[in-house]
Amino acid sequence: MSFAGNAVFANLALIFAIGLAVGLAKGDKGTAGLAGGVAFLVYTATISGLLELFSAKDASIDTGVVGSIVIGGTVAFLHNRYRKIELPQFLGFFGGSRFIPIVSSFSAIAIGCVFYLIWPPIQNGMVVIGQQVAQMGSIGTFFYGFLLRLTGAVGLHHTIYPMFWYTSLGGVETVAGQSISGAQNIFFAQLADSSHTGLFTYGTRFFAGRFATMMFGLPAACYAMYRAIPKENRKKNGGLYFSGALTSFLTGITEPIEYMFLFVAPWLYVIHAFLDGLSFYFADILNIRIGNSFSGGLIDYLLFGVLQGNDKTNWIKVIPFGIAWALIYFFVFSFCIKKFKVAIPGMENDEDMLEVADDSGSASLKEQAWQIIEALGGDENIENVTACATRLRVAVKQGDKVQKPVFKKLGATAVFEVQGGIQAVFGGKADLFSQEINQLLGRDD
């Protein structure tokens, strides 16, 4: 199992580059993925060749996820721009999508040369910053957790955690004789090292604080919101709060809960972010050393906490800490919602919420997908449809044709406009909707 898992994590940068190219491509995604993989291999080979020619014998450069982002993003840009290019007749065979791996490879050579020159000082600077964060101790852990949650409101948390998970900002550790950079890389290297004894290392502080918030705090906040709404509205809104709490507890996906109060009470979200920062702080003080692969729900808790043994993770401490955290969240949310009359779902006579339950529960996935297409202004108004873990992301030609109330009726906890389109928070169904809509529109490539 450790060898199988290591096969993925040893090639994580390559997988990231391919995934980013595929995710950002607007069509012919298979070619984009192939070009992303080829470009990344050319990029790493270019750096290796330059090191062999011009650097010391043992010199090495590991750009990690940063290099993957640059390569994947560049390939996606080139793919979207040139995949339908027409070349002169004598070069016609290399036109269209065949042109993408070629131009991507030449671009990767240039990017490799640039990174060979600029990355060593950047990497040294990141090591210094990582050391300073480590020297801040638990206070540094608090700020990491607070900022991670705060930026999550607008999806910018994706710009923060990869730098700590996959680069030297998250620490540098020698595991099984090899130097490993990045908190998650270190954690999984130690996980695969059969000779490792004692607690997992300090890098797990960038993960351990999630479990108390996601498994205990936010489900308790859901219960507080449920108790705060009028009794006559609890039955028809109970499913919304229960599903949000269960999703957070099991998987660590928190957006369905957070969007219940984010837009009506942004200040309450700031309080939530502060509490989440404190969760990271106390988990660090308690020496809880649980890592994660995706998020801080029960699944990751069992896999990377309980099954690894208390002597390596201190997983038992999460339970009393989590119970205390649930009580804090419950009383904080109860007080704030009642005191300031926060307009959470069900607080007023909300007929729309009844329609949500009816529409999202009785219609099939295909029927709901057709309703979404119509609400977006039809096929001719839709440019592309994608999804992340919780959000359906749609680029449209004319935003004024979008009917937002339909998304609410289909179970979206939030719908908001972004430049050139909309995003609807459907939780775990977002990817299902994306696939179904693309298939119905004949864009399933």
Protein backbone atom coordinates (compact mmCIF):
# COMPACT_ATOMS: atom_id res chain seq x y z
CA MET A 1 0.00 0.00 0.00
CA SER A 2 2.80 2.42 0.86
CA PHE A 3 4.48 1.78 -2.51
CA ALA A 4 1.18 2.31 -4.32
CA GLY A 5 0.52 5.54 -2.45
CA ASN A 6 4.07 6.74 -3.01
CA ALA A 7 3.60 6.27 -6.77
CA VAL A 8 1.04 9.07 -6.66
CA PHE A 9 2.82 11.44 -4.30
CA ALA A 10 6.20 10.96 -5.98
CA ASN A 11 4.62 12.22 -9.21
CA LEU A 12 2.29 14.79 -7.65
CA ALA A 13 3.80 17.73 -9.54
CA LEU A 14 3.30 15.96 -12.89
CA ILE A 15 -0.28 15.03 -12.00
CA PHE A 16 -0.95 18.61 -10.89
CA ALA A 17 0.31 20.02 -14.22
CA ILE A 18 -1.84 17.59 -16.21
CA GLY A 19 -4.90 18.21 -14.03
CA LEU A 20 -4.59 21.99 -14.28
CA ALA A 21 -4.24 21.86 -18.07
CA VAL A 22 -7.31 19.62 -18.33
CA GLY A 23 -9.33 21.68 -15.86
CA LEU A 24 -8.69 25.01 -17.59
CA ALA A 25 -9.08 23.74 -21.16
CA LYS A 26 -12.30 24.81 -22.86
CA GLY A 27 -12.50 21.78 -25.11
CA ASP A 28 -10.57 18.75 -26.38
CA LYS A 29 -9.38 18.18 -22.82
CA GLY A 30 -7.56 14.96 -23.65
CA THR A 31 -5.10 16.80 -25.89
CA ALA A 32 -4.64 19.45 -23.20
CA GLY A 33 -3.79 16.77 -20.65
CA LEU A 34 -1.30 15.11 -22.99
CA ALA A 35 0.33 18.47 -23.74
CA GLY A 36 0.48 19.26 -20.01
CA GLY A 37 2.28 15.99 -19.26
CA VAL A 38 4.73 16.37 -22.14
CA ALA A 39 5.44 20.01 -21.27
CA PHE A 40 6.15 19.20 -17.63
CA LEU A 41 8.59 16.43 -18.58
CA VAL A 42 10.37 18.78 -21.01
CA TYR A 43 10.43 21.47 -18.32
CA THR A 44 12.06 19.21 -15.70
CA ALA A 45 14.49 17.80 -18.26
CA THR A 46 15.53 21.35 -19.22
CA ILE A 47 16.30 22.24 -15.60
CA SER A 48 18.20 18.97 -15.08
CA GLY A 49 20.28 19.61 -18.20
CA LEU A 50 21.15 23.15 -17.13
CA LEU A 51 22.13 21.93 -13.66
CA GLU A 52 24.40 19.30 -15.16
CA LEU A 53 26.07 21.85 -17.45
CA PHE A 54 26.42 24.90 -15.24
CA SER A 55 25.94 23.98 -11.56
CA ALA A 56 27.75 22.06 -8.85
CA LYS A 57 27.66 18.28 -8.93
CA ASP A 58 25.05 17.79 -6.19
CA ALA A 59 22.93 20.87 -7.01
CA SER A 60 19.19 20.37 -7.37
CA ILE A 61 16.12 22.49 -8.00
CA ASP A 62 12.63 21.41 -6.93
CA THR A 63 9.96 23.91 -7.97
CA GLY A 64 7.17 21.65 -6.73
CA VAL A 65 3.62 22.84 -7.20
CA VAL A 66 4.70 26.32 -8.34
CA GLY A 67 6.31 24.92 -11.47
CA SER A 68 3.25 22.73 -12.04
CA ILE A 69 0.95 25.74 -11.85
CA VAL A 70 3.03 27.71 -14.35
CA ILE A 71 3.30 24.80 -16.79
CA GLY A 72 -0.35 23.74 -16.49
CA GLY A 73 -1.60 27.31 -16.80
CA THR A 74 0.62 28.03 -19.81
CA VAL A 75 -0.48 24.86 -21.59
CA ALA A 76 -4.15 25.67 -20.96
CA PHE A 77 -3.66 29.20 -22.33
CA LEU A 78 -1.91 27.92 -25.47
CA HIS A 79 -4.49 25.17 -25.91
CA ASN A 80 -7.48 27.50 -25.71
CA ARG A 81 -5.86 29.96 -28.09
CA TYR A 82 -4.33 27.70 -30.73
CA ARG A 83 -6.20 24.39 -30.75
CA LYS A 84 -8.02 25.40 -33.97
CA ILE A 85 -5.03 27.05 -35.66
CA GLU A 86 -4.61 26.58 -39.43
CA LEU A 87 -1.03 26.25 -40.66
CA PRO A 88 0.23 26.54 -44.25
CA GLN A 89 -0.67 23.54 -46.40
CA PHE A 90 2.81 21.95 -46.27
CA LEU A 91 2.56 21.99 -42.44
CA GLY A 92 -1.13 21.17 -42.35
CA PHE A 93 -0.62 17.86 -40.54
CA PHE A 94 0.68 19.76 -37.50
CA GLY A 95 -2.29 22.14 -37.35
CA GLY A 96 -5.20 22.12 -34.94
CA SER A 97 -4.83 20.16 -31.71
CA ARG A 98 -1.56 18.53 -32.89
CA PHE A 99 0.07 21.95 -32.65
CA ILE A 100 -0.51 22.16 -28.88
CA PRO A 101 2.03 19.58 -27.60
CA ILE A 102 4.63 21.09 -29.95
CA VAL A 103 4.21 24.73 -28.93
CA SER A 104 3.82 23.68 -25.28
CA SER A 105 7.14 21.82 -25.36
CA PHE A 106 9.01 24.83 -26.73
CA SER A 107 7.34 27.02 -24.10
CA ALA A 108 8.38 24.54 -21.41
CA ILE A 109 12.03 24.87 -22.48
CA ALA A 110 11.82 28.64 -22.06
CA ILE A 111 10.06 28.31 -18.69
CA GLY A 112 12.69 25.81 -17.53
CA CYS A 113 15.47 28.26 -18.38
CA VAL A 114 13.72 31.05 -16.48
CA PHE A 115 13.15 28.88 -13.39
CA TYR A 116 16.78 27.73 -13.45
CA LEU A 117 17.79 31.38 -13.02
CA ILE A 118 15.14 32.69 -10.62
CA TRP A 119 14.12 29.72 -8.48
CA PRO A 120 17.22 29.20 -6.26
CA PRO A 121 16.93 32.64 -4.56
CA ILE A 122 13.14 32.26 -4.33
CA GLN A 123 13.51 28.82 -2.76
CA ASN A 124 16.08 30.11 -0.28
CA GLY A 125 13.72 32.94 0.64
CA MET A 126 10.85 30.51 1.17
CA VAL A 127 13.01 28.38 3.45
CA VAL A 128 13.84 31.47 5.52
CA ILE A 129 10.15 32.47 5.72
CA GLY A 130 9.22 28.89 6.66
CA GLN A 131 11.81 28.96 9.43
CA GLN A 132 10.40 32.26 10.70
CA VAL A 133 6.87 30.84 10.72
CA ALA A 134 8.19 27.85 12.67
CA GLN A 135 9.92 30.19 15.14
CA MET A 136 6.58 31.95 15.72
CA GLY A 137 5.37 28.66 17.12
CA SER A 138 1.67 28.26 17.78
CA ILE A 139 0.99 31.94 17.02
CA GLY A 140 2.17 31.33 13.46
CA THR A 141 -0.13 28.32 13.28
CA PHE A 142 -3.06 30.51 14.39
CA PHE A 143 -2.41 33.07 11.65
CA TYR A 144 -2.17 30.30 9.05
CA GLY A 145 -5.54 28.84 10.09
CA PHE A 146 -7.20 32.25 10.38
CA LEU A 147 -6.05 33.48 6.96
CA LEU A 148 -6.80 30.14 5.31
CA ARG A 149 -10.40 30.26 6.49
CA LEU A 150 -10.81 33.99 5.86
CA THR A 151 -9.66 33.75 2.24
CA GLY A 152 -11.86 30.70 1.73
CA ALA A 153 -14.88 33.01 1.55
CA VAL A 154 -13.83 34.08 -1.95
CA GLY A 155 -11.96 30.93 -2.97
CA LEU A 156 -8.50 32.43 -2.47
CA HIS A 157 -7.45 29.78 0.04
CA HIS A 158 -6.15 27.86 -2.98
CA THR A 159 -3.36 30.44 -3.20
CA ILE A 160 -2.25 29.84 0.41
CA TYR A 161 -2.26 26.20 1.44
CA PRO A 162 -0.36 24.71 -1.56
CA MET A 163 2.65 26.87 -0.68
CA PHE A 164 2.75 25.30 2.79
CA TRP A 165 1.75 21.79 1.74
CA TYR A 166 4.10 21.33 -1.21
CA THR A 167 7.01 23.79 -0.83
CA SER A 168 9.69 24.55 1.73
CA LEU A 169 7.35 27.10 3.37
CA GLY A 170 5.83 24.08 5.10
CA GLY A 171 9.18 22.87 6.35
CA VAL A 172 12.11 20.72 5.21
CA GLU A 173 12.69 17.30 6.77
CA THR A 174 14.99 14.36 6.15
CA VAL A 175 12.91 11.19 5.85
CA ALA A 176 14.48 7.80 5.09
CA GLY A 177 17.66 9.56 4.03
CA GLN A 178 15.97 11.94 1.60
CA SER A 179 15.33 15.67 2.01
CA ILE A 180 11.60 16.36 1.68
CA SER A 181 10.00 19.82 1.34
CA GLY A 182 6.40 20.73 2.15
CA ALA A 183 4.18 19.75 5.06
CA GLN A 184 2.02 17.23 3.22
CA ASN A 185 4.95 15.75 1.32
CA ILE A 186 6.77 15.26 4.63
CA PHE A 187 3.71 13.71 6.26
CA PHE A 188 3.17 11.15 3.51
CA ALA A 189 6.89 10.36 3.34
CA GLN A 190 6.83 9.58 7.07
CA LEU A 191 3.63 7.62 6.56
CA ALA A 192 5.44 5.42 4.03
CA ASP A 193 8.55 5.07 6.22
CA SER A 194 8.15 1.86 8.22
CA SER A 195 11.04 2.85 10.47
CA HIS A 196 9.38 6.07 11.66
CA THR A 197 8.57 6.10 15.38
CA GLY A 198 6.99 8.67 17.67
CA LEU A 199 4.75 11.56 16.71
CA PHE A 200 4.65 12.78 13.14
CA THR A 201 6.63 15.99 12.71
CA TYR A 202 5.73 19.60 13.25
CA GLY A 203 4.46 20.14 9.69
CA THR A 204 1.16 18.48 10.62
CA ARG A 205 0.23 21.69 12.44
CA PHE A 206 -0.96 22.93 9.03
CA PHE A 207 -3.65 20.20 9.07
CA ALA A 208 -4.50 19.17 12.62
CA GLY A 209 -6.60 22.22 13.49
CA ARG A 210 -9.17 21.42 10.83
CA PHE A 211 -10.72 18.42 12.54
CA ALA A 212 -12.21 20.18 15.57
CA THR A 213 -13.84 22.83 13.36
CA MET A 214 -15.10 20.59 10.58
CA MET A 215 -16.19 17.55 12.60
CA PHE A 216 -17.50 19.33 15.69
CA GLY A 217 -17.63 23.13 15.43
CA LEU A 218 -19.56 23.69 12.21
CA PRO A 219 -22.06 20.84 12.78
CA ALA A 220 -22.75 22.45 16.18
CA ALA A 221 -23.19 25.80 14.41
CA CYS A 222 -25.75 24.11 12.15
CA TYR A 223 -27.65 22.90 15.18
CA ALA A 224 -27.51 26.39 16.67
CA MET A 225 -28.94 27.88 13.47
CA TYR A 226 -31.63 25.21 13.35
CA ARG A 227 -32.63 25.96 16.96
CA ALA A 228 -32.65 29.71 16.25
CA ILE A 229 -35.27 29.63 13.50
CA PRO A 230 -39.00 29.63 14.38
CA LYS A 231 -40.39 26.22 15.32
CA GLU A 232 -42.91 26.26 12.48
CA ASN A 233 -40.05 26.51 9.95
CA ARG A 234 -37.83 23.80 11.42
CA LYS A 235 -39.44 20.84 9.69
CA LYS A 236 -39.12 22.20 6.17
CA ASN A 237 -35.59 23.56 6.75
CA GLY A 238 -34.24 20.72 8.86
CA GLY A 239 -32.94 18.77 5.87
CA LEU A 240 -30.83 21.72 4.76
CA TYR A 241 -29.10 22.03 8.12
CA PHE A 242 -28.76 18.28 8.68
CA SER A 243 -27.19 17.64 5.26
CA GLY A 244 -24.78 20.55 5.73
CA ALA A 245 -23.71 19.27 9.15
CA LEU A 246 -23.31 15.69 7.91
CA THR A 247 -21.28 16.79 4.88
CA SER A 248 -18.91 18.81 7.05
CA PHE A 249 -18.58 16.00 9.61
CA LEU A 250 -17.87 13.23 7.11
CA THR A 251 -15.89 14.97 4.36
CA GLY A 252 -14.80 18.35 5.71
CA ILE A 253 -16.62 20.23 2.93
CA THR A 254 -17.84 23.34 4.72
CA GLU A 255 -19.15 25.69 2.01
CA PRO A 256 -22.80 24.55 2.23
CA ILE A 257 -22.82 25.67 5.88
CA GLU A 258 -20.73 28.81 5.49
CA TYR A 259 -22.83 30.21 2.65
CA MET A 260 -25.89 30.07 4.88
CA PHE A 261 -24.54 33.07 6.80
CA LEU A 262 -21.63 34.52 4.79
CA PHE A 263 -23.64 36.92 2.64
CA VAL A 264 -26.18 37.97 5.27
CA ALA A 265 -23.61 38.37 8.07
CA PRO A 266 -20.01 38.64 6.82
CA TRP A 267 -18.91 39.65 10.32
CA LEU A 268 -20.08 36.25 11.58
CA TYR A 269 -17.84 34.61 9.01
CA VAL A 270 -14.89 36.62 10.39
CA ILE A 271 -15.72 35.28 13.86
CA HIS A 272 -15.84 31.78 12.39
CA ALA A 273 -12.42 32.32 10.76
CA PHE A 274 -11.03 33.55 14.09
CA LEU A 275 -12.35 30.46 15.87
CA ASP A 276 -10.86 28.25 13.17
CA GLY A 277 -7.50 29.95 13.70
CA LEU A 278 -7.81 29.21 17.42
CA SER A 279 -8.55 25.59 16.57
CA PHE A 280 -5.21 25.38 14.75
CA TYR A 281 -3.54 27.11 17.71
CA PHE A 282 -4.90 24.72 20.35
CA ALA A 283 -4.33 21.62 18.20
CA ASP A 284 -0.69 22.69 17.95
CA ILE A 285 -0.41 23.21 21.71
CA LEU A 286 -2.00 19.79 22.32
CA ASN A 287 0.53 18.15 19.97
CA ILE A 288 -2.19 16.72 17.73
CA ARG A 289 -0.25 15.46 14.72
CA ILE A 290 -2.84 14.27 12.20
CA GLY A 291 -2.32 14.98 8.51
CA ASN A 292 -4.90 14.84 5.76
CA SER A 293 -5.25 14.25 2.03
CA PHE A 294 -8.27 16.43 1.24
CA SER A 295 -9.87 17.99 4.27
CA GLY A 296 -10.59 17.58 7.96
CA GLY A 297 -13.62 15.30 8.07
CA LEU A 298 -14.20 11.89 9.65
CA ILE A 299 -12.77 10.03 6.65
CA ASP A 300 -9.36 11.70 6.90
CA TYR A 301 -9.51 11.53 10.70
CA LEU A 302 -9.89 7.75 10.60
CA LEU A 303 -7.34 7.18 7.83
CA PHE A 304 -4.59 9.48 9.03
CA GLY A 305 -5.33 9.66 12.73
CA VAL A 306 -6.98 6.60 14.24
CA LEU A 307 -5.48 3.97 11.92
CA GLN A 308 -1.95 5.36 12.35
CA GLY A 309 -2.07 4.92 16.11
CA ASN A 310 -2.28 7.35 18.98
CA ASP A 311 1.48 7.18 19.57
CA LYS A 312 2.03 8.85 16.18
CA THR A 313 -0.94 11.23 15.98
CA ASN A 314 -2.53 11.86 19.42
CA TRP A 315 -5.90 11.31 17.73
CA ILE A 316 -7.65 10.65 21.06
CA LYS A 317 -7.12 14.29 22.08
CA VAL A 318 -9.31 15.43 19.17
CA ILE A 319 -12.44 14.01 20.82
CA PRO A 320 -12.50 16.02 24.09
CA PHE A 321 -11.12 19.06 22.27
CA GLY A 322 -13.80 18.68 19.59
CA ILE A 323 -16.62 18.40 22.14
CA ALA A 324 -15.44 21.59 23.82
CA TRP A 325 -15.19 23.25 20.40
CA ALA A 326 -18.74 22.18 19.52
CA LEU A 327 -20.04 23.83 22.69
CA ILE A 328 -18.16 27.05 21.89
CA TYR A 329 -19.50 27.15 18.32
CA PHE A 330 -23.03 26.39 19.49
CA PHE A 331 -23.14 29.18 22.06
CA VAL A 332 -21.33 31.73 19.85
CA PHE A 333 -23.65 31.14 16.89
CA SER A 334 -26.77 30.97 19.08
CA PHE A 335 -25.93 34.30 20.71
CA CYS A 336 -24.95 36.08 17.49
CA ILE A 337 -27.93 34.91 15.45
CA LYS A 338 -30.52 35.71 18.13
CA LYS A 339 -28.89 38.97 19.26
CA PHE A 340 -28.43 40.43 15.78
CA LYS A 341 -31.35 38.64 14.09
CA VAL A 342 -29.23 37.14 11.32
CA ALA A 343 -31.44 36.21 8.34
CA ILE A 344 -30.32 32.60 7.98
CA PRO A 345 -32.49 30.19 5.92
CA GLY A 346 -35.79 29.62 7.67
CA MET A 347 -35.61 32.66 9.92
CA GLU A 348 -38.56 34.22 8.12
CA ASN A 349 -41.56 32.67 6.42
CA ASP A 350 -39.50 31.35 3.54
CA GLU A 351 -41.69 29.75 0.88
CA ASP A 352 -38.71 29.41 -1.39
CA MET A 353 -37.07 27.00 1.01
CA LEU A 354 -40.06 24.69 0.76
CA GLU A 355 -39.66 24.78 -3.02
CA VAL A 356 -35.99 23.91 -2.61
CA ALA A 357 -36.86 20.71 -0.82
CA ASP A 358 -39.55 19.81 -3.38
CA ASP A 359 -37.56 20.57 -6.54
CA SER A 360 -34.21 19.20 -5.47
CA GLY A 361 -35.71 16.07 -3.97
CA SER A 362 -38.23 14.95 -6.63
CA ALA A 363 -36.46 15.74 -9.91
CA SER A 364 -33.80 13.47 -11.37
CA LEU A 365 -30.26 14.70 -11.96
CA LYS A 366 -30.97 14.97 -15.70
CA GLU A 367 -34.14 17.00 -15.12
CA GLN A 368 -32.34 19.33 -12.73
CA ALA A 369 -29.51 19.74 -15.25
CA TRP A 370 -32.02 20.80 -17.93
CA GLN A 371 -33.50 23.34 -15.50
CA ILE A 372 -30.01 24.74 -14.90
CA ILE A 373 -29.38 25.01 -18.65
CA GLU A 374 -32.63 26.92 -19.10
CA ALA A 375 -31.82 29.15 -16.12
CA LEU A 376 -28.48 29.99 -17.73
CA GLY A 377 -30.20 31.29 -20.85
CA GLY A 378 -29.99 28.13 -22.92
CA ASP A 379 -27.22 26.42 -24.85
CA GLU A 380 -26.41 29.50 -26.93
CA ASN A 381 -25.66 31.57 -23.81
CA ILE A 382 -23.33 29.02 -22.19
CA GLU A 383 -19.63 29.19 -23.04
CA ASN A 384 -18.32 26.47 -20.73
CA VAL A 385 -19.27 24.59 -17.58
CA THR A 386 -16.80 23.29 -15.00
CA ALA A 387 -16.84 22.48 -11.29
CA CYS A 388 -14.54 22.39 -8.29
CA ALA A 389 -15.23 20.37 -5.14
CA THR A 390 -18.35 22.34 -4.21
CA ARG A 391 -19.06 25.00 -6.86
CA LEU A 392 -20.61 24.81 -10.32
CA ARG A 393 -18.68 27.36 -12.40
CA VAL A 394 -20.30 28.62 -15.60
CA ALA A 395 -19.02 31.15 -18.13
CA VAL A 396 -21.90 32.85 -19.94
CA LYS A 397 -22.14 35.33 -22.81
CA GLN A 398 -24.89 37.49 -21.29
CA GLY A 399 -25.18 37.57 -17.52
CA ASP A 400 -28.58 39.29 -17.54
CA LYS A 401 -30.16 36.13 -18.96
CA VAL A 402 -29.26 34.07 -15.88
CA GLN A 403 -32.17 33.29 -13.53
CA LYS A 404 -30.57 33.00 -10.09
CA PRO A 405 -33.71 31.94 -8.16
CA VAL A 406 -33.79 28.65 -10.09
CA PHE A 407 -30.42 27.65 -8.61
CA LYS A 408 -31.75 28.28 -5.11
CA LYS A 409 -34.79 26.14 -5.87
CA LEU A 410 -32.50 23.32 -6.95
CA GLY A 411 -30.58 23.34 -3.69
CA ALA A 412 -27.74 25.83 -4.17
CA THR A 413 -26.81 27.43 -0.86
CA ALA A 414 -25.37 30.48 -2.63
CA VAL A 415 -25.23 31.95 -6.12
CA PHE A 416 -22.94 34.83 -6.96
CA GLU A 417 -21.65 36.60 -10.03
CA VAL A 418 -18.03 36.56 -11.13
CA GLN A 419 -16.48 38.20 -14.14
CA GLY A 420 -17.92 36.55 -17.22
CA GLY A 421 -20.24 34.15 -15.44
CA ILE A 422 -21.67 32.77 -12.22
CA GLN A 423 -20.79 30.28 -9.49
CA ALA A 424 -23.40 28.22 -7.65
CA VAL A 425 -22.55 26.34 -4.46
CA PHE A 426 -24.11 22.86 -4.71
CA GLY A 427 -21.69 20.99 -2.45
CA GLY A 428 -20.82 17.47 -3.61
CA LYS A 429 -23.38 17.62 -6.48
CA ALA A 430 -21.46 20.37 -8.30
CA ASP A 431 -19.30 17.95 -10.29
CA LEU A 432 -22.30 15.74 -11.09
CA PHE A 433 -24.16 18.73 -12.49
CA SER A 434 -21.12 19.78 -14.52
CA GLN A 435 -20.78 16.36 -16.14
CA GLU A 436 -24.51 16.02 -16.81
CA ILE A 437 -24.84 19.51 -18.32
CA ASN A 438 -21.83 19.03 -20.60
CA GLN A 439 -23.21 15.68 -21.72
CA LEU A 440 -26.64 17.17 -22.47
CA LEU A 441 -25.02 19.99 -24.45
CA GLY A 442 -22.87 17.56 -26.41
CA ARG A 443 -19.67 18.99 -24.98
CA ASP A 444 -18.59 15.91 -23.07
CA ASP A 445 -15.04 15.68 -24.43
